[in-house]
Amino acid sequence: MGRERIQGYGMPLVQNNVDTDQIIPARFCYQPKRVGHGESLFGNWRQDPSFVLHDPRYSDATILVAGREFATGSSREYAVWAIKDYGFQVVIAQSFGDIFYKNAIINDLLPLKTTEQGIESLWDALHDNPKSAIHIDLENEVIRFEGGTSPAMMDLHFKKKYILNLDDISLTLEDVGNIDTYEAARSPHLATTLNRVEVR
């Protein structure tokens, strides 16, 4: 199964307007590395024994299903690191904070948008059967789950980056021929790209 098709169990985070300080409170953001943050995910909320992360029915979840305006607020990359380090590979939400959305793609965490109805249907399905699988088909832009489907909405630019596992440098190098043509037509007195490694 390629990166355009993903499947896994889901965890319903029945919350809207979750900001990055709720995802990982500032007091946990002291280790400047990408790993070691899983235990800090939703650090304040985890003090409540009824919080969904403590529910053993969702212990195998790799897909977090949240509401609208997920990961707004400060731009801390720790929010993405904590979600990934806990074991989630995908976050499905109605909408995301812009900076988090881009940070997620950079860190190979899939931020996938769907409709409000889709989120509510996913929450219902996961509540009724926590072990019902979620199937994500990026190529056909659909999320399938027990009892329904919902659109998988993702900007084409970011979808290409995720499916092909490309970073910004790789994407730029895809246009190296156009860059060379452009620079060849420029005045020799203007700056050009120097010391570029040849791509073989």
N, C-alpha and C. Protein backbone atom coordinates (compact mmCIF):
# COMPACT_ATOMS: atom_id res chain seq x y z
N MET A 1 0.85 -1.20 0.00
CA MET A 1 0.00 0.00 0.00
C MET A 1 0.88 1.24 0.00
N GLY A 2 0.72 2.12 -0.99
CA GLY A 2 1.51 3.32 -1.08
C GLY A 2 1.01 4.40 -0.15
N ARG A 3 1.68 5.55 -0.21
CA ARG A 3 1.33 6.65 0.69
C ARG A 3 0.02 7.32 0.30
N GLU A 4 -0.51 7.00 -0.89
CA GLU A 4 -1.80 7.58 -1.28
C GLU A 4 -2.97 6.83 -0.64
N ARG A 5 -2.70 5.66 -0.04
CA ARG A 5 -3.74 4.90 0.64
C ARG A 5 -3.25 4.54 2.04
N ILE A 6 -4.02 4.94 3.03
CA ILE A 6 -3.64 4.75 4.43
C ILE A 6 -4.83 4.15 5.16
N GLN A 7 -4.56 3.26 6.08
CA GLN A 7 -5.64 2.75 6.90
C GLN A 7 -5.15 2.57 8.33
N GLY A 8 -6.07 2.66 9.26
CA GLY A 8 -5.71 2.50 10.66
C GLY A 8 -6.93 2.68 11.53
N TYR A 9 -6.74 2.52 12.82
CA TYR A 9 -7.81 2.75 13.78
C TYR A 9 -7.79 4.22 14.21
N GLY A 10 -8.95 4.73 14.57
CA GLY A 10 -9.06 6.13 14.93
C GLY A 10 -9.32 6.36 16.40
N MET A 11 -9.02 7.57 16.85
CA MET A 11 -9.33 8.02 18.20
C MET A 11 -10.13 9.31 18.09
N PRO A 12 -11.32 9.37 18.68
CA PRO A 12 -12.13 10.59 18.57
C PRO A 12 -11.77 11.62 19.65
N LEU A 13 -11.22 12.75 19.23
CA LEU A 13 -11.00 13.87 20.13
C LEU A 13 -12.17 14.83 19.91
N VAL A 14 -13.20 14.68 20.70
CA VAL A 14 -14.45 15.41 20.47
C VAL A 14 -14.30 16.82 21.05
N GLN A 15 -13.51 17.61 20.36
CA GLN A 15 -13.19 18.98 20.78
C GLN A 15 -13.04 19.86 19.54
N ASN A 16 -13.50 21.09 19.65
CA ASN A 16 -13.22 22.12 18.66
C ASN A 16 -12.26 23.14 19.26
N ASN A 17 -11.62 23.92 18.41
CA ASN A 17 -10.75 25.01 18.85
C ASN A 17 -9.67 24.54 19.82
N VAL A 18 -8.95 23.52 19.41
CA VAL A 18 -7.82 23.00 20.20
C VAL A 18 -6.56 23.72 19.75
N ASP A 19 -5.95 24.51 20.65
CA ASP A 19 -4.76 25.24 20.23
C ASP A 19 -3.50 24.45 20.58
N THR A 20 -2.35 24.95 20.13
CA THR A 20 -1.11 24.19 20.30
C THR A 20 -0.68 24.12 21.76
N ASP A 21 -1.10 25.06 22.58
CA ASP A 21 -0.76 24.99 24.00
C ASP A 21 -1.55 23.89 24.70
N GLN A 22 -2.72 23.57 24.18
CA GLN A 22 -3.47 22.43 24.71
C GLN A 22 -2.88 21.11 24.20
N ILE A 23 -2.36 21.13 22.98
CA ILE A 23 -1.74 19.91 22.43
C ILE A 23 -0.48 19.56 23.22
N ILE A 24 0.37 20.54 23.47
CA ILE A 24 1.53 20.34 24.34
C ILE A 24 1.80 21.64 25.10
N PRO A 25 1.48 21.67 26.38
CA PRO A 25 1.68 22.88 27.17
C PRO A 25 3.14 23.34 27.16
N ALA A 26 3.32 24.65 27.30
CA ALA A 26 4.65 25.26 27.17
C ALA A 26 5.67 24.66 28.13
N ARG A 27 5.24 24.22 29.30
CA ARG A 27 6.20 23.71 30.28
C ARG A 27 6.91 22.44 29.82
N PHE A 28 6.34 21.77 28.80
CA PHE A 28 6.96 20.56 28.28
C PHE A 28 7.90 20.83 27.10
N CYS A 29 7.96 22.06 26.66
CA CYS A 29 8.71 22.38 25.44
C CYS A 29 10.13 22.84 25.79
N TYR A 30 10.92 21.93 26.30
CA TYR A 30 12.28 22.28 26.71
C TYR A 30 13.34 21.41 26.08
N GLN A 31 12.95 20.31 25.44
CA GLN A 31 13.93 19.44 24.78
C GLN A 31 13.94 19.75 23.28
N PRO A 32 15.03 20.32 22.75
CA PRO A 32 15.07 20.71 21.33
C PRO A 32 15.33 19.53 20.40
N LYS A 33 14.47 18.53 20.45
CA LYS A 33 14.60 17.38 19.56
C LYS A 33 13.21 16.88 19.22
N ARG A 34 13.12 16.08 18.16
CA ARG A 34 11.83 15.67 17.62
C ARG A 34 11.19 14.52 18.40
N VAL A 35 11.93 13.81 19.20
CA VAL A 35 11.40 12.65 19.90
C VAL A 35 11.38 12.89 21.40
N GLY A 36 10.61 12.06 22.09
CA GLY A 36 10.54 12.17 23.54
C GLY A 36 9.41 13.04 24.05
N HIS A 37 8.42 13.33 23.18
CA HIS A 37 7.34 14.23 23.56
C HIS A 37 5.98 13.54 23.66
N GLY A 38 5.93 12.24 23.37
CA GLY A 38 4.64 11.54 23.36
C GLY A 38 3.91 11.59 24.68
N GLU A 39 4.66 11.50 25.78
CA GLU A 39 4.03 11.51 27.10
C GLU A 39 3.54 12.90 27.49
N SER A 40 3.94 13.92 26.74
CA SER A 40 3.51 15.29 27.03
C SER A 40 2.29 15.70 26.21
N LEU A 41 1.86 14.85 25.27
CA LEU A 41 0.72 15.18 24.42
C LEU A 41 -0.52 15.39 25.27
N PHE A 42 -1.18 16.52 25.08
CA PHE A 42 -2.37 16.90 25.86
C PHE A 42 -2.07 16.78 27.37
N GLY A 43 -0.90 17.32 27.75
CA GLY A 43 -0.40 17.16 29.11
C GLY A 43 -1.36 17.58 30.20
N ASN A 44 -2.09 18.66 30.01
CA ASN A 44 -3.05 19.10 31.02
C ASN A 44 -4.28 18.21 31.05
N TRP A 45 -4.81 17.89 29.90
CA TRP A 45 -6.03 17.10 29.82
C TRP A 45 -5.82 15.67 30.32
N ARG A 46 -4.61 15.19 30.21
CA ARG A 46 -4.33 13.81 30.63
C ARG A 46 -4.42 13.63 32.14
N GLN A 47 -4.47 14.72 32.87
CA GLN A 47 -4.66 14.61 34.31
C GLN A 47 -6.06 14.12 34.67
N ASP A 48 -6.97 14.19 33.70
CA ASP A 48 -8.33 13.68 33.87
C ASP A 48 -8.34 12.21 33.45
N PRO A 49 -8.62 11.29 34.38
CA PRO A 49 -8.58 9.86 34.03
C PRO A 49 -9.60 9.45 32.99
N SER A 50 -10.61 10.29 32.75
CA SER A 50 -11.61 9.95 31.74
C SER A 50 -11.24 10.46 30.35
N PHE A 51 -10.09 11.14 30.23
CA PHE A 51 -9.67 11.68 28.93
C PHE A 51 -9.44 10.53 27.95
N VAL A 52 -9.74 10.77 26.69
CA VAL A 52 -9.78 9.70 25.69
C VAL A 52 -8.44 8.98 25.52
N LEU A 53 -7.30 9.64 25.76
CA LEU A 53 -6.02 8.96 25.63
C LEU A 53 -5.86 7.82 26.64
N HIS A 54 -6.65 7.86 27.70
CA HIS A 54 -6.58 6.79 28.69
C HIS A 54 -7.54 5.63 28.38
N ASP A 55 -8.35 5.78 27.36
CA ASP A 55 -9.36 4.77 27.04
C ASP A 55 -8.70 3.61 26.30
N PRO A 56 -8.64 2.42 26.90
CA PRO A 56 -7.94 1.30 26.25
C PRO A 56 -8.56 0.87 24.93
N ARG A 57 -9.81 1.25 24.68
CA ARG A 57 -10.44 0.87 23.42
C ARG A 57 -9.75 1.53 22.22
N TYR A 58 -9.03 2.63 22.47
CA TYR A 58 -8.39 3.36 21.38
C TYR A 58 -6.86 3.25 21.45
N SER A 59 -6.36 2.25 22.16
CA SER A 59 -4.92 2.14 22.38
C SER A 59 -4.13 1.88 21.10
N ASP A 60 -4.78 1.34 20.06
CA ASP A 60 -4.08 1.06 18.80
C ASP A 60 -4.30 2.15 17.75
N ALA A 61 -4.87 3.25 18.15
CA ALA A 61 -5.21 4.30 17.18
C ALA A 61 -3.96 4.95 16.59
N THR A 62 -3.99 5.15 15.28
CA THR A 62 -2.93 5.89 14.59
C THR A 62 -3.50 7.11 13.85
N ILE A 63 -4.82 7.29 13.96
CA ILE A 63 -5.49 8.41 13.29
C ILE A 63 -6.28 9.18 14.35
N LEU A 64 -5.94 10.44 14.54
CA LEU A 64 -6.64 11.29 15.49
C LEU A 64 -7.72 12.06 14.75
N VAL A 65 -8.96 12.00 15.25
CA VAL A 65 -10.09 12.67 14.60
C VAL A 65 -10.55 13.80 15.50
N ALA A 66 -10.26 15.02 15.11
CA ALA A 66 -10.60 16.20 15.90
C ALA A 66 -11.68 17.01 15.19
N GLY A 67 -12.02 18.17 15.78
CA GLY A 67 -13.07 19.01 15.22
C GLY A 67 -12.54 20.13 14.35
N ARG A 68 -13.11 21.30 14.48
CA ARG A 68 -12.67 22.44 13.66
C ARG A 68 -11.61 23.25 14.42
N GLU A 69 -10.82 24.00 13.65
CA GLU A 69 -9.78 24.86 14.20
C GLU A 69 -8.83 24.09 15.10
N PHE A 70 -8.27 23.01 14.55
CA PHE A 70 -7.31 22.22 15.32
C PHE A 70 -5.92 22.80 15.18
N ALA A 71 -5.21 22.92 16.31
CA ALA A 71 -3.82 23.36 16.35
C ALA A 71 -3.64 24.81 15.89
N THR A 72 -4.50 25.66 16.37
CA THR A 72 -4.33 27.10 16.15
C THR A 72 -3.41 27.65 17.24
N GLY A 73 -3.15 28.94 17.19
CA GLY A 73 -2.33 29.55 18.23
C GLY A 73 -0.87 29.61 17.86
N SER A 74 0.01 29.43 18.84
CA SER A 74 1.44 29.61 18.62
C SER A 74 1.96 28.59 17.61
N SER A 75 3.12 28.90 17.04
CA SER A 75 3.64 28.10 15.93
C SER A 75 4.51 26.95 16.38
N ARG A 76 4.50 26.60 17.66
CA ARG A 76 5.46 25.62 18.17
C ARG A 76 5.40 24.29 17.41
N GLU A 77 6.57 23.88 16.92
CA GLU A 77 6.67 22.62 16.19
C GLU A 77 6.52 21.42 17.13
N TYR A 78 6.67 21.68 18.42
CA TYR A 78 6.50 20.62 19.41
C TYR A 78 5.12 19.97 19.30
N ALA A 79 4.11 20.71 18.87
CA ALA A 79 2.77 20.15 18.75
C ALA A 79 2.75 18.99 17.76
N VAL A 80 3.42 19.19 16.63
CA VAL A 80 3.52 18.11 15.63
C VAL A 80 4.36 16.97 16.19
N TRP A 81 5.49 17.30 16.80
CA TRP A 81 6.37 16.27 17.33
C TRP A 81 5.65 15.40 18.36
N ALA A 82 4.88 16.01 19.24
CA ALA A 82 4.19 15.25 20.29
C ALA A 82 3.14 14.31 19.70
N ILE A 83 2.40 14.78 18.71
CA ILE A 83 1.38 13.94 18.07
C ILE A 83 2.03 12.75 17.38
N LYS A 84 3.11 13.01 16.64
CA LYS A 84 3.80 11.92 15.95
C LYS A 84 4.46 10.96 16.94
N ASP A 85 5.09 11.51 17.96
CA ASP A 85 5.81 10.68 18.91
C ASP A 85 4.86 9.77 19.70
N TYR A 86 3.63 10.23 19.89
CA TYR A 86 2.65 9.39 20.56
C TYR A 86 2.27 8.18 19.71
N GLY A 87 2.34 8.35 18.39
CA GLY A 87 2.04 7.24 17.49
C GLY A 87 1.01 7.54 16.42
N PHE A 88 0.52 8.77 16.38
CA PHE A 88 -0.44 9.13 15.34
C PHE A 88 0.29 9.42 14.04
N GLN A 89 -0.28 8.93 12.95
CA GLN A 89 0.27 9.19 11.62
C GLN A 89 -0.57 10.19 10.83
N VAL A 90 -1.82 10.35 11.27
CA VAL A 90 -2.77 11.20 10.55
C VAL A 90 -3.60 11.97 11.58
N VAL A 91 -3.90 13.23 11.27
CA VAL A 91 -4.91 13.98 12.01
C VAL A 91 -5.99 14.40 11.02
N ILE A 92 -7.22 14.00 11.28
CA ILE A 92 -8.35 14.43 10.46
C ILE A 92 -9.10 15.50 11.25
N ALA A 93 -9.38 16.63 10.62
CA ALA A 93 -10.11 17.71 11.28
C ALA A 93 -10.86 18.51 10.23
N GLN A 94 -11.79 19.31 10.70
CA GLN A 94 -12.53 20.16 9.75
C GLN A 94 -11.64 21.29 9.25
N SER A 95 -10.76 21.81 10.12
CA SER A 95 -9.84 22.87 9.73
C SER A 95 -8.65 22.87 10.68
N PHE A 96 -7.54 23.46 10.22
CA PHE A 96 -6.29 23.47 10.98
C PHE A 96 -5.73 24.88 11.06
N GLY A 97 -4.89 25.11 12.06
CA GLY A 97 -4.06 26.30 12.06
C GLY A 97 -3.07 26.23 10.90
N ASP A 98 -2.87 27.33 10.20
CA ASP A 98 -2.04 27.32 8.99
C ASP A 98 -0.61 26.86 9.25
N ILE A 99 0.01 27.36 10.31
CA ILE A 99 1.41 27.02 10.57
C ILE A 99 1.54 25.56 10.96
N PHE A 100 0.62 25.07 11.78
CA PHE A 100 0.63 23.65 12.15
C PHE A 100 0.50 22.79 10.90
N TYR A 101 -0.40 23.17 10.00
CA TYR A 101 -0.64 22.39 8.78
C TYR A 101 0.65 22.21 7.99
N LYS A 102 1.40 23.29 7.83
CA LYS A 102 2.66 23.20 7.07
C LYS A 102 3.72 22.43 7.86
N ASN A 103 3.78 22.66 9.17
CA ASN A 103 4.73 21.91 9.99
C ASN A 103 4.46 20.42 9.95
N ALA A 104 3.19 20.05 9.92
CA ALA A 104 2.81 18.64 9.87
C ALA A 104 3.35 17.99 8.60
N ILE A 105 3.16 18.63 7.46
CA ILE A 105 3.65 18.08 6.20
C ILE A 105 5.16 17.93 6.24
N ILE A 106 5.86 18.93 6.76
CA ILE A 106 7.32 18.88 6.84
C ILE A 106 7.78 17.69 7.68
N ASN A 107 7.01 17.38 8.72
CA ASN A 107 7.38 16.32 9.65
C ASN A 107 6.70 14.99 9.36
N ASP A 108 6.12 14.86 8.17
CA ASP A 108 5.53 13.60 7.72
C ASP A 108 4.34 13.15 8.58
N LEU A 109 3.58 14.12 9.08
CA LEU A 109 2.31 13.86 9.73
C LEU A 109 1.23 14.36 8.77
N LEU A 110 0.29 13.51 8.41
CA LEU A 110 -0.72 13.89 7.42
C LEU A 110 -1.86 14.66 8.07
N PRO A 111 -2.04 15.96 7.74
CA PRO A 111 -3.18 16.73 8.22
C PRO A 111 -4.27 16.73 7.15
N LEU A 112 -5.35 16.08 7.41
CA LEU A 112 -6.37 15.88 6.38
C LEU A 112 -7.67 16.56 6.79
N LYS A 113 -8.19 17.39 5.89
CA LYS A 113 -9.44 18.10 6.17
C LYS A 113 -10.63 17.31 5.63
N THR A 114 -11.73 17.44 6.32
CA THR A 114 -12.99 16.91 5.82
C THR A 114 -14.11 17.82 6.30
N THR A 115 -15.34 17.46 6.01
CA THR A 115 -16.48 18.31 6.33
C THR A 115 -16.90 18.15 7.80
N GLU A 116 -17.70 19.09 8.27
CA GLU A 116 -18.24 19.00 9.63
C GLU A 116 -19.07 17.73 9.80
N GLN A 117 -19.89 17.43 8.79
CA GLN A 117 -20.69 16.21 8.84
C GLN A 117 -19.80 14.98 8.86
N GLY A 118 -18.72 15.02 8.09
CA GLY A 118 -17.79 13.90 8.06
C GLY A 118 -17.16 13.66 9.43
N ILE A 119 -16.76 14.74 10.10
CA ILE A 119 -16.17 14.61 11.43
C ILE A 119 -17.18 14.00 12.40
N GLU A 120 -18.39 14.51 12.40
CA GLU A 120 -19.41 14.00 13.32
C GLU A 120 -19.73 12.54 13.04
N SER A 121 -19.75 12.15 11.77
CA SER A 121 -20.00 10.75 11.42
C SER A 121 -18.85 9.86 11.86
N LEU A 122 -17.61 10.34 11.72
CA LEU A 122 -16.46 9.59 12.19
C LEU A 122 -16.50 9.42 13.71
N TRP A 123 -16.81 10.50 14.42
CA TRP A 123 -16.92 10.41 15.88
C TRP A 123 -17.96 9.36 16.28
N ASP A 124 -19.10 9.39 15.60
CA ASP A 124 -20.16 8.43 15.92
C ASP A 124 -19.70 7.00 15.65
N ALA A 125 -19.04 6.80 14.50
CA ALA A 125 -18.58 5.46 14.14
C ALA A 125 -17.55 4.94 15.13
N LEU A 126 -16.63 5.82 15.57
CA LEU A 126 -15.59 5.40 16.51
C LEU A 126 -16.16 5.17 17.91
N HIS A 127 -17.20 5.91 18.24
CA HIS A 127 -17.87 5.69 19.54
C HIS A 127 -18.57 4.34 19.54
N ASP A 128 -19.25 4.02 18.44
CA ASP A 128 -20.01 2.76 18.37
C ASP A 128 -19.10 1.55 18.24
N ASN A 129 -17.98 1.70 17.51
CA ASN A 129 -17.07 0.58 17.29
C ASN A 129 -15.63 1.11 17.20
N PRO A 130 -14.94 1.18 18.34
CA PRO A 130 -13.58 1.72 18.35
C PRO A 130 -12.60 0.98 17.45
N LYS A 131 -12.88 -0.27 17.13
CA LYS A 131 -11.97 -1.05 16.30
C LYS A 131 -12.39 -1.09 14.83
N SER A 132 -13.28 -0.20 14.44
CA SER A 132 -13.61 -0.11 13.02
C SER A 132 -12.52 0.70 12.33
N ALA A 133 -12.01 0.17 11.23
CA ALA A 133 -10.88 0.80 10.54
C ALA A 133 -11.33 2.01 9.73
N ILE A 134 -10.41 2.96 9.62
CA ILE A 134 -10.59 4.12 8.75
C ILE A 134 -9.68 3.93 7.54
N HIS A 135 -10.24 4.07 6.35
CA HIS A 135 -9.48 3.91 5.11
C HIS A 135 -9.43 5.27 4.41
N ILE A 136 -8.22 5.75 4.16
CA ILE A 136 -8.02 7.05 3.51
C ILE A 136 -7.46 6.81 2.12
N ASP A 137 -8.15 7.32 1.13
CA ASP A 137 -7.73 7.22 -0.27
C ASP A 137 -7.47 8.63 -0.78
N LEU A 138 -6.21 9.04 -0.75
CA LEU A 138 -5.87 10.40 -1.18
C LEU A 138 -6.05 10.57 -2.68
N GLU A 139 -5.78 9.51 -3.44
CA GLU A 139 -5.89 9.59 -4.89
C GLU A 139 -7.32 9.90 -5.31
N ASN A 140 -8.29 9.23 -4.68
CA ASN A 140 -9.70 9.44 -5.01
C ASN A 140 -10.40 10.39 -4.04
N GLU A 141 -9.63 10.95 -3.12
CA GLU A 141 -10.10 12.00 -2.21
C GLU A 141 -11.32 11.57 -1.40
N VAL A 142 -11.19 10.42 -0.72
CA VAL A 142 -12.31 9.93 0.06
C VAL A 142 -11.80 9.24 1.33
N ILE A 143 -12.55 9.40 2.40
CA ILE A 143 -12.32 8.69 3.66
C ILE A 143 -13.45 7.70 3.82
N ARG A 144 -13.12 6.44 4.01
CA ARG A 144 -14.14 5.41 4.20
C ARG A 144 -14.06 4.87 5.62
N PHE A 145 -15.21 4.66 6.23
CA PHE A 145 -15.26 4.13 7.58
C PHE A 145 -16.57 3.38 7.74
N GLU A 146 -16.71 2.69 8.84
CA GLU A 146 -17.89 1.87 9.05
C GLU A 146 -19.16 2.73 9.00
N GLY A 147 -19.99 2.45 8.03
CA GLY A 147 -21.27 3.17 7.93
C GLY A 147 -21.25 4.42 7.10
N GLY A 148 -20.11 4.77 6.46
CA GLY A 148 -20.15 5.98 5.67
C GLY A 148 -18.84 6.34 4.99
N THR A 149 -18.90 7.46 4.29
CA THR A 149 -17.73 8.04 3.63
C THR A 149 -17.74 9.54 3.86
N SER A 150 -16.59 10.16 3.64
CA SER A 150 -16.47 11.60 3.76
C SER A 150 -15.37 12.06 2.82
N PRO A 151 -15.45 13.28 2.29
CA PRO A 151 -14.39 13.74 1.40
C PRO A 151 -13.07 13.94 2.13
N ALA A 152 -11.97 13.59 1.46
CA ALA A 152 -10.63 13.85 1.95
C ALA A 152 -10.10 15.07 1.21
N MET A 153 -10.02 16.19 1.89
CA MET A 153 -9.71 17.46 1.23
C MET A 153 -8.27 17.88 1.57
N MET A 154 -7.48 18.07 0.50
CA MET A 154 -6.09 18.46 0.70
C MET A 154 -5.61 19.23 -0.51
N ASP A 155 -4.93 20.33 -0.27
CA ASP A 155 -4.36 21.14 -1.34
C ASP A 155 -3.45 20.27 -2.21
N LEU A 156 -3.55 20.42 -3.53
CA LEU A 156 -2.80 19.57 -4.45
C LEU A 156 -1.29 19.64 -4.21
N HIS A 157 -0.81 20.83 -3.91
CA HIS A 157 0.63 21.00 -3.66
C HIS A 157 1.07 20.15 -2.48
N PHE A 158 0.32 20.22 -1.38
CA PHE A 158 0.70 19.46 -0.19
C PHE A 158 0.42 17.97 -0.36
N LYS A 159 -0.61 17.63 -1.12
CA LYS A 159 -0.89 16.22 -1.37
C LYS A 159 0.26 15.59 -2.15
N LYS A 160 0.76 16.29 -3.15
CA LYS A 160 1.89 15.77 -3.94
C LYS A 160 3.10 15.58 -3.04
N LYS A 161 3.39 16.57 -2.17
CA LYS A 161 4.54 16.46 -1.29
C LYS A 161 4.42 15.24 -0.39
N TYR A 162 3.20 15.01 0.12
CA TYR A 162 3.02 13.88 1.04
C TYR A 162 3.12 12.54 0.31
N ILE A 163 2.38 12.40 -0.79
CA ILE A 163 2.35 11.12 -1.50
C ILE A 163 3.73 10.74 -2.01
N LEU A 164 4.47 11.71 -2.56
CA LEU A 164 5.80 11.43 -3.12
C LEU A 164 6.91 11.56 -2.09
N ASN A 165 6.54 11.94 -0.86
CA ASN A 165 7.51 12.09 0.23
C ASN A 165 8.63 13.06 -0.17
N LEU A 166 8.23 14.23 -0.63
CA LEU A 166 9.17 15.25 -1.09
C LEU A 166 9.27 16.39 -0.08
N ASP A 167 10.47 16.93 0.07
CA ASP A 167 10.61 18.16 0.84
C ASP A 167 10.71 19.33 -0.14
N ASP A 168 10.86 20.54 0.41
CA ASP A 168 10.88 21.73 -0.45
C ASP A 168 12.07 21.72 -1.41
N ILE A 169 13.20 21.19 -0.97
CA ILE A 169 14.38 21.15 -1.84
C ILE A 169 14.13 20.20 -3.01
N SER A 170 13.55 19.04 -2.71
CA SER A 170 13.25 18.07 -3.77
C SER A 170 12.29 18.66 -4.80
N LEU A 171 11.28 19.38 -4.32
CA LEU A 171 10.33 20.01 -5.24
C LEU A 171 11.01 21.06 -6.12
N THR A 172 11.91 21.84 -5.53
CA THR A 172 12.63 22.86 -6.29
C THR A 172 13.50 22.21 -7.36
N LEU A 173 14.16 21.10 -7.01
CA LEU A 173 15.04 20.43 -7.97
C LEU A 173 14.27 19.83 -9.14
N GLU A 174 12.96 19.60 -8.98
CA GLU A 174 12.16 19.14 -10.11
C GLU A 174 12.09 20.19 -11.21
N ASP A 175 12.31 21.45 -10.84
CA ASP A 175 12.24 22.55 -11.81
C ASP A 175 13.62 23.05 -12.20
N VAL A 176 14.66 22.22 -11.99
CA VAL A 176 16.01 22.71 -12.23
C VAL A 176 16.22 23.10 -13.69
N GLY A 177 15.56 22.40 -14.62
CA GLY A 177 15.71 22.76 -16.03
C GLY A 177 15.17 24.16 -16.31
N ASN A 178 14.00 24.47 -15.76
CA ASN A 178 13.42 25.81 -15.93
C ASN A 178 14.28 26.87 -15.25
N ILE A 179 14.87 26.52 -14.12
CA ILE A 179 15.74 27.48 -13.43
C ILE A 179 16.97 27.80 -14.28
N ASP A 180 17.56 26.76 -14.86
CA ASP A 180 18.73 26.96 -15.71
C ASP A 180 18.39 27.81 -16.93
N THR A 181 17.23 27.54 -17.54
CA THR A 181 16.80 28.31 -18.71
C THR A 181 16.59 29.78 -18.35
N TYR A 182 15.97 30.01 -17.22
CA TYR A 182 15.72 31.38 -16.76
C TYR A 182 17.04 32.11 -16.51
N GLU A 183 17.97 31.45 -15.83
CA GLU A 183 19.22 32.12 -15.50
C GLU A 183 20.09 32.34 -16.73
N ALA A 184 19.98 31.44 -17.73
CA ALA A 184 20.77 31.61 -18.95
C ALA A 184 20.36 32.86 -19.71
N ALA A 185 19.08 33.27 -19.54
CA ALA A 185 18.58 34.44 -20.26
C ALA A 185 18.81 35.74 -19.49
N ARG A 186 19.28 35.64 -18.25
CA ARG A 186 19.50 36.84 -17.45
C ARG A 186 20.82 37.50 -17.79
N SER A 187 20.91 38.76 -17.48
CA SER A 187 22.17 39.49 -17.69
C SER A 187 23.27 38.85 -16.85
N PRO A 188 24.46 38.71 -17.40
CA PRO A 188 25.58 38.11 -16.63
C PRO A 188 25.98 38.94 -15.42
N HIS A 189 25.50 40.19 -15.36
CA HIS A 189 25.82 41.04 -14.21
C HIS A 189 24.92 40.75 -13.01
N LEU A 190 23.84 39.98 -13.23
CA LEU A 190 22.91 39.68 -12.14
C LEU A 190 23.30 38.37 -11.46
N ALA A 191 22.82 38.20 -10.25
CA ALA A 191 23.16 37.01 -9.46
C ALA A 191 22.58 35.75 -10.09
N THR A 192 23.31 34.67 -9.97
CA THR A 192 22.84 33.37 -10.43
C THR A 192 23.02 32.35 -9.31
N THR A 193 22.46 31.17 -9.53
CA THR A 193 22.61 30.09 -8.55
C THR A 193 23.98 29.44 -8.75
N LEU A 194 24.79 29.47 -7.71
CA LEU A 194 26.14 28.94 -7.81
C LEU A 194 26.29 27.69 -6.96
N ASN A 195 27.29 26.88 -7.29
CA ASN A 195 27.64 25.70 -6.48
C ASN A 195 26.48 24.73 -6.31
N ARG A 196 25.62 24.64 -7.33
CA ARG A 196 24.51 23.69 -7.24
C ARG A 196 25.02 22.30 -7.55
N VAL A 197 24.66 21.34 -6.69
CA VAL A 197 25.06 19.96 -6.91
C VAL A 197 24.29 19.38 -8.06
N GLU A 198 24.98 18.75 -8.99
CA GLU A 198 24.29 18.16 -10.14
C GLU A 198 23.42 17.00 -9.71
N VAL A 199 22.20 16.98 -10.21
CA VAL A 199 21.28 15.92 -9.88
C VAL A 199 21.40 14.82 -10.92
N ARG A 200 21.65 13.61 -10.51
CA ARG A 200 21.83 12.50 -11.45
C ARG A 200 20.63 11.58 -11.41
